[in-house]
């Protein structure tokens, strides 16, 4: 889901750029992309400036699956948030976003990433 969302939002990025944006392990991303490509969800197009690199693009099936998964995610989020008083939901989501940002920052500073 995160790979598909990132590819849709970025409009064609390289595998290394995707790995960086997701703060993920390069081998994990490579394996996932290979499976997605074999399933017909994405395609690699020759980079216009660097012949060694490819830009990743979701195919129609990938976009369709993303939209379906997004609807499921929204329904689950709505269900989970329904246990909170309505007045507290926005504040909870703001705190959750802060925690996600802190996780992303920690991953970027991780020794595994060479920083």
N, C-alpha and C. Protein backbone atom coordinates (compact mmCIF):
# COMPACT_ATOMS: atom_id res chain seq x y z
N UNK A 1 0.83 -1.19 0.00
CA UNK A 1 0.00 0.00 0.00
C UNK A 1 0.87 1.26 0.00
N UNK A 2 1.88 1.28 0.87
CA UNK A 2 2.75 2.45 0.96
C UNK A 2 3.54 2.65 -0.32
N UNK A 3 4.00 1.58 -0.92
CA UNK A 3 4.73 1.68 -2.19
C UNK A 3 3.82 2.28 -3.26
N UNK A 4 2.61 1.76 -3.36
CA UNK A 4 1.68 2.25 -4.38
C UNK A 4 1.35 3.71 -4.15
N UNK A 5 1.09 4.08 -2.89
CA UNK A 5 0.77 5.48 -2.59
C UNK A 5 1.95 6.39 -2.95
N UNK A 6 3.15 5.98 -2.57
CA UNK A 6 4.34 6.79 -2.84
C UNK A 6 4.56 6.95 -4.34
N UNK A 7 4.37 5.88 -5.10
CA UNK A 7 4.54 5.97 -6.56
C UNK A 7 3.48 6.87 -7.18
N UNK A 8 2.25 6.79 -6.70
CA UNK A 8 1.20 7.67 -7.22
C UNK A 8 1.48 9.13 -6.92
N UNK A 9 1.94 9.40 -5.71
CA UNK A 9 2.20 10.78 -5.30
C UNK A 9 3.42 11.38 -5.98
N UNK A 10 4.38 10.55 -6.37
CA UNK A 10 5.64 11.08 -6.88
C UNK A 10 5.73 11.09 -8.40
N UNK A 11 4.87 10.38 -9.06
CA UNK A 11 4.86 10.43 -10.52
C UNK A 11 6.10 9.89 -11.20
N UNK A 12 6.64 8.80 -10.72
CA UNK A 12 7.77 8.16 -11.39
C UNK A 12 9.10 8.50 -10.75
N UNK A 13 9.52 7.69 -9.80
CA UNK A 13 10.80 7.89 -9.13
C UNK A 13 11.63 6.62 -9.29
N UNK A 14 12.91 6.73 -8.99
CA UNK A 14 13.78 5.56 -9.08
C UNK A 14 13.61 4.68 -7.84
N UNK A 15 14.13 3.48 -7.94
CA UNK A 15 14.04 2.55 -6.81
C UNK A 15 14.76 3.11 -5.59
N UNK A 16 15.91 3.73 -5.80
CA UNK A 16 16.65 4.28 -4.66
C UNK A 16 15.89 5.46 -4.04
N UNK A 17 15.23 6.27 -4.85
CA UNK A 17 14.42 7.37 -4.31
C UNK A 17 13.24 6.83 -3.51
N UNK A 18 12.62 5.77 -4.02
CA UNK A 18 11.50 5.15 -3.31
C UNK A 18 11.97 4.61 -1.96
N UNK A 19 13.09 3.92 -1.96
CA UNK A 19 13.64 3.36 -0.73
C UNK A 19 13.90 4.46 0.29
N UNK A 20 14.45 5.56 -0.17
CA UNK A 20 14.75 6.70 0.70
C UNK A 20 13.46 7.30 1.27
N UNK A 21 12.48 7.53 0.43
CA UNK A 21 11.22 8.14 0.89
C UNK A 21 10.47 7.25 1.87
N UNK A 22 10.62 5.95 1.72
CA UNK A 22 9.93 5.03 2.61
C UNK A 22 10.76 4.70 3.85
N UNK A 23 11.99 5.20 3.91
CA UNK A 23 12.90 4.88 5.01
C UNK A 23 12.93 3.37 5.23
N UNK A 24 13.15 2.66 4.15
CA UNK A 24 13.08 1.20 4.20
C UNK A 24 14.41 0.57 3.79
N UNK A 25 14.49 -0.72 3.96
CA UNK A 25 15.66 -1.49 3.59
C UNK A 25 15.68 -1.70 2.07
N UNK A 26 16.79 -1.42 1.40
CA UNK A 26 16.86 -1.57 -0.06
C UNK A 26 16.51 -2.97 -0.56
N UNK A 27 16.95 -4.00 0.15
CA UNK A 27 16.64 -5.37 -0.28
C UNK A 27 15.16 -5.69 -0.17
N UNK A 28 14.53 -5.19 0.88
CA UNK A 28 13.10 -5.40 1.07
C UNK A 28 12.32 -4.74 -0.05
N UNK A 29 12.69 -3.50 -0.37
CA UNK A 29 12.01 -2.76 -1.44
C UNK A 29 12.23 -3.46 -2.78
N UNK A 30 13.44 -3.89 -3.05
CA UNK A 30 13.74 -4.56 -4.33
C UNK A 30 12.89 -5.81 -4.49
N UNK A 31 12.79 -6.60 -3.44
CA UNK A 31 11.99 -7.82 -3.49
C UNK A 31 10.51 -7.52 -3.71
N UNK A 32 10.00 -6.53 -3.02
CA UNK A 32 8.60 -6.14 -3.17
C UNK A 32 8.32 -5.63 -4.58
N UNK A 33 9.21 -4.80 -5.11
CA UNK A 33 9.02 -4.27 -6.46
C UNK A 33 9.05 -5.38 -7.50
N UNK A 34 9.92 -6.35 -7.30
CA UNK A 34 9.99 -7.47 -8.24
C UNK A 34 8.67 -8.24 -8.27
N UNK A 35 8.11 -8.50 -7.09
CA UNK A 35 6.82 -9.19 -7.03
C UNK A 35 5.70 -8.35 -7.65
N UNK A 36 5.72 -7.05 -7.40
CA UNK A 36 4.70 -6.17 -7.96
C UNK A 36 4.80 -6.11 -9.48
N UNK A 37 6.02 -6.09 -9.99
CA UNK A 37 6.23 -6.06 -11.44
C UNK A 37 5.73 -7.36 -12.07
N UNK A 38 6.06 -8.49 -11.47
CA UNK A 38 5.61 -9.79 -11.99
C UNK A 38 4.09 -9.91 -11.95
N UNK A 39 3.46 -9.23 -10.99
CA UNK A 39 1.99 -9.27 -10.87
C UNK A 39 1.31 -8.26 -11.79
N UNK A 40 2.09 -7.49 -12.53
CA UNK A 40 1.52 -6.53 -13.46
C UNK A 40 1.03 -5.25 -12.82
N UNK A 41 1.55 -4.93 -11.63
CA UNK A 41 1.11 -3.73 -10.93
C UNK A 41 1.97 -2.51 -11.25
N UNK A 42 3.21 -2.72 -11.63
CA UNK A 42 4.08 -1.59 -11.94
C UNK A 42 4.98 -1.92 -13.11
N UNK A 43 5.55 -0.86 -13.66
CA UNK A 43 6.51 -1.03 -14.75
C UNK A 43 7.70 -0.12 -14.50
N UNK A 44 8.82 -0.53 -15.05
CA UNK A 44 10.06 0.26 -14.97
C UNK A 44 10.29 0.87 -16.34
N UNK A 45 10.46 2.18 -16.36
CA UNK A 45 10.74 2.89 -17.62
C UNK A 45 12.14 3.47 -17.54
N UNK A 46 12.82 3.43 -18.67
CA UNK A 46 14.18 3.96 -18.75
C UNK A 46 14.22 5.40 -18.25
N UNK A 47 15.18 5.69 -17.38
CA UNK A 47 15.38 7.05 -16.89
C UNK A 47 15.83 7.92 -18.06
N UNK A 48 15.27 9.10 -18.16
CA UNK A 48 15.56 9.96 -19.31
C UNK A 48 16.99 10.52 -19.31
N UNK A 49 17.64 10.59 -18.15
CA UNK A 49 18.98 11.15 -18.09
C UNK A 49 20.06 10.13 -17.73
N UNK A 50 19.69 9.10 -16.99
CA UNK A 50 20.64 8.09 -16.53
C UNK A 50 20.23 6.74 -17.10
N UNK A 51 20.96 6.27 -18.10
CA UNK A 51 20.58 5.03 -18.79
C UNK A 51 20.67 3.79 -17.89
N UNK A 52 21.38 3.91 -16.77
CA UNK A 52 21.48 2.78 -15.84
C UNK A 52 20.27 2.68 -14.92
N UNK A 53 19.53 3.76 -14.80
CA UNK A 53 18.41 3.82 -13.85
C UNK A 53 17.07 3.68 -14.56
N UNK A 54 16.06 3.33 -13.78
CA UNK A 54 14.69 3.24 -14.28
C UNK A 54 13.76 3.99 -13.34
N UNK A 55 12.72 4.54 -13.93
CA UNK A 55 11.67 5.19 -13.13
C UNK A 55 10.53 4.19 -12.97
N UNK A 56 9.96 4.17 -11.78
CA UNK A 56 8.88 3.23 -11.46
C UNK A 56 7.54 3.92 -11.64
N UNK A 57 6.62 3.23 -12.30
CA UNK A 57 5.27 3.77 -12.54
C UNK A 57 4.25 2.67 -12.27
N UNK A 58 3.16 3.05 -11.61
CA UNK A 58 2.07 2.09 -11.44
C UNK A 58 1.34 1.93 -12.75
N UNK A 59 1.00 0.70 -13.07
CA UNK A 59 0.18 0.42 -14.24
C UNK A 59 -1.28 0.57 -13.82
N UNK A 60 -2.19 0.45 -14.77
CA UNK A 60 -3.62 0.61 -14.48
C UNK A 60 -4.07 -0.34 -13.37
N UNK A 61 -3.61 -1.59 -13.42
CA UNK A 61 -3.99 -2.57 -12.39
C UNK A 61 -3.46 -2.15 -11.02
N UNK A 62 -2.27 -1.59 -10.97
CA UNK A 62 -1.71 -1.11 -9.71
C UNK A 62 -2.51 0.05 -9.14
N UNK A 63 -2.92 0.97 -10.01
CA UNK A 63 -3.74 2.10 -9.56
C UNK A 63 -5.09 1.62 -9.05
N UNK A 64 -5.67 0.66 -9.75
CA UNK A 64 -6.96 0.10 -9.35
C UNK A 64 -6.86 -0.59 -7.99
N UNK A 65 -5.83 -1.38 -7.81
CA UNK A 65 -5.65 -2.07 -6.52
C UNK A 65 -5.40 -1.09 -5.39
N UNK A 66 -4.66 -0.02 -5.70
CA UNK A 66 -4.42 1.00 -4.68
C UNK A 66 -5.74 1.62 -4.24
N UNK A 67 -6.59 1.97 -5.20
CA UNK A 67 -7.88 2.60 -4.85
C UNK A 67 -8.72 1.66 -3.99
N UNK A 68 -8.74 0.39 -4.31
CA UNK A 68 -9.49 -0.58 -3.50
C UNK A 68 -8.90 -0.68 -2.09
N UNK A 69 -7.59 -0.77 -2.01
CA UNK A 69 -6.93 -0.86 -0.70
C UNK A 69 -7.16 0.41 0.11
N UNK A 70 -7.17 1.54 -0.57
CA UNK A 70 -7.39 2.82 0.11
C UNK A 70 -8.78 2.86 0.73
N UNK A 71 -9.77 2.37 0.01
CA UNK A 71 -11.13 2.34 0.54
C UNK A 71 -11.21 1.46 1.79
N UNK A 72 -10.53 0.33 1.76
CA UNK A 72 -10.49 -0.56 2.93
C UNK A 72 -9.80 0.15 4.09
N UNK A 73 -8.69 0.83 3.81
CA UNK A 73 -7.95 1.54 4.86
C UNK A 73 -8.80 2.64 5.49
N UNK A 74 -9.53 3.37 4.66
CA UNK A 74 -10.40 4.43 5.18
C UNK A 74 -11.50 3.84 6.06
N UNK A 75 -12.09 2.75 5.62
CA UNK A 75 -13.14 2.10 6.42
C UNK A 75 -12.58 1.61 7.76
N UNK A 76 -11.40 1.02 7.73
CA UNK A 76 -10.78 0.55 8.98
C UNK A 76 -10.44 1.72 9.90
N UNK A 77 -9.92 2.78 9.33
CA UNK A 77 -9.58 3.96 10.13
C UNK A 77 -10.83 4.53 10.78
N UNK A 78 -11.90 4.62 10.03
CA UNK A 78 -13.16 5.14 10.56
C UNK A 78 -13.66 4.26 11.70
N UNK A 79 -13.57 2.95 11.51
CA UNK A 79 -14.02 2.02 12.56
C UNK A 79 -13.17 2.14 13.82
N UNK A 80 -11.86 2.20 13.64
CA UNK A 80 -10.96 2.31 14.79
C UNK A 80 -11.17 3.62 15.53
N UNK A 81 -11.29 4.71 14.78
CA UNK A 81 -11.47 6.02 15.42
C UNK A 81 -12.82 6.16 16.10
N UNK A 82 -13.77 5.33 15.73
CA UNK A 82 -15.11 5.45 16.31
C UNK A 82 -15.13 5.16 17.80
N UNK A 83 -14.09 4.51 18.33
CA UNK A 83 -14.05 4.25 19.77
C UNK A 83 -13.67 5.50 20.56
N UNK A 84 -13.12 6.50 19.88
CA UNK A 84 -12.75 7.75 20.54
C UNK A 84 -13.91 8.73 20.47
N UNK A 85 -14.05 9.57 21.49
CA UNK A 85 -15.05 10.64 21.37
C UNK A 85 -14.70 11.50 20.16
N UNK A 86 -15.71 11.91 19.44
CA UNK A 86 -15.48 12.68 18.21
C UNK A 86 -14.60 13.90 18.44
N UNK A 87 -14.75 14.54 19.58
CA UNK A 87 -13.97 15.75 19.89
C UNK A 87 -12.48 15.45 20.02
N UNK A 88 -12.10 14.19 20.27
CA UNK A 88 -10.69 13.85 20.47
C UNK A 88 -10.02 13.25 19.24
N UNK A 89 -10.76 12.96 18.22
CA UNK A 89 -10.20 12.25 17.06
C UNK A 89 -9.13 13.06 16.33
N UNK A 90 -9.40 14.34 16.09
CA UNK A 90 -8.44 15.16 15.36
C UNK A 90 -7.13 15.28 16.14
N UNK A 91 -7.23 15.51 17.44
CA UNK A 91 -6.03 15.62 18.26
C UNK A 91 -5.24 14.30 18.25
N UNK A 92 -5.94 13.18 18.32
CA UNK A 92 -5.28 11.87 18.26
C UNK A 92 -4.52 11.72 16.95
N UNK A 93 -5.15 12.08 15.83
CA UNK A 93 -4.48 11.96 14.53
C UNK A 93 -3.27 12.88 14.43
N UNK A 94 -3.36 14.06 15.04
CA UNK A 94 -2.21 14.97 15.05
C UNK A 94 -1.05 14.35 15.83
N UNK A 95 -1.36 13.75 16.98
CA UNK A 95 -0.31 13.10 17.78
C UNK A 95 0.27 11.90 17.04
N UNK A 96 -0.58 11.17 16.36
CA UNK A 96 -0.12 10.03 15.58
C UNK A 96 0.83 10.48 14.46
N UNK A 97 0.51 11.61 13.83
CA UNK A 97 1.37 12.16 12.78
C UNK A 97 2.73 12.57 13.35
N UNK A 98 2.72 13.15 14.55
CA UNK A 98 3.99 13.51 15.20
C UNK A 98 4.84 12.27 15.47
N UNK A 99 4.20 11.21 15.94
CA UNK A 99 4.93 9.96 16.19
C UNK A 99 5.49 9.38 14.89
N UNK A 100 4.70 9.43 13.82
CA UNK A 100 5.17 8.93 12.53
C UNK A 100 6.36 9.74 12.03
N UNK A 101 6.30 11.06 12.19
CA UNK A 101 7.43 11.91 11.80
C UNK A 101 8.68 11.57 12.60
N UNK A 102 8.51 11.33 13.89
CA UNK A 102 9.66 10.97 14.74
C UNK A 102 10.26 9.64 14.29
N UNK A 103 9.42 8.70 13.93
CA UNK A 103 9.92 7.40 13.43
C UNK A 103 10.69 7.59 12.13
N UNK A 104 10.17 8.41 11.24
CA UNK A 104 10.83 8.67 9.96
C UNK A 104 12.19 9.33 10.20
N UNK A 105 12.22 10.32 11.10
CA UNK A 105 13.48 11.00 11.41
C UNK A 105 14.50 10.03 12.00
N UNK A 106 14.04 9.16 12.90
CA UNK A 106 14.94 8.18 13.51
C UNK A 106 15.48 7.22 12.46
N UNK A 107 14.64 6.82 11.53
CA UNK A 107 15.08 5.90 10.47
C UNK A 107 16.11 6.58 9.57
N UNK A 108 15.92 7.87 9.30
CA UNK A 108 16.87 8.59 8.45
C UNK A 108 18.23 8.72 9.13
N UNK A 109 18.24 8.79 10.46
CA UNK A 109 19.49 8.92 11.20
C UNK A 109 20.09 7.57 11.59
N UNK A 110 19.44 6.50 11.19
CA UNK A 110 19.87 5.16 11.56
C UNK A 110 21.24 4.83 10.97
N UNK A 111 22.11 4.17 11.75
CA UNK A 111 23.42 3.75 11.23
C UNK A 111 23.29 2.81 10.03
N UNK A 112 22.21 2.06 9.97
CA UNK A 112 21.97 1.14 8.85
C UNK A 112 21.91 1.91 7.54
N UNK A 113 21.52 3.16 7.60
CA UNK A 113 21.40 3.96 6.39
C UNK A 113 22.68 4.75 6.12
N UNK A 114 23.70 4.52 6.92
CA UNK A 114 24.99 5.14 6.65
C UNK A 114 25.10 6.57 7.09
N UNK A 115 24.30 6.97 8.07
CA UNK A 115 24.36 8.37 8.53
C UNK A 115 24.91 8.44 9.92
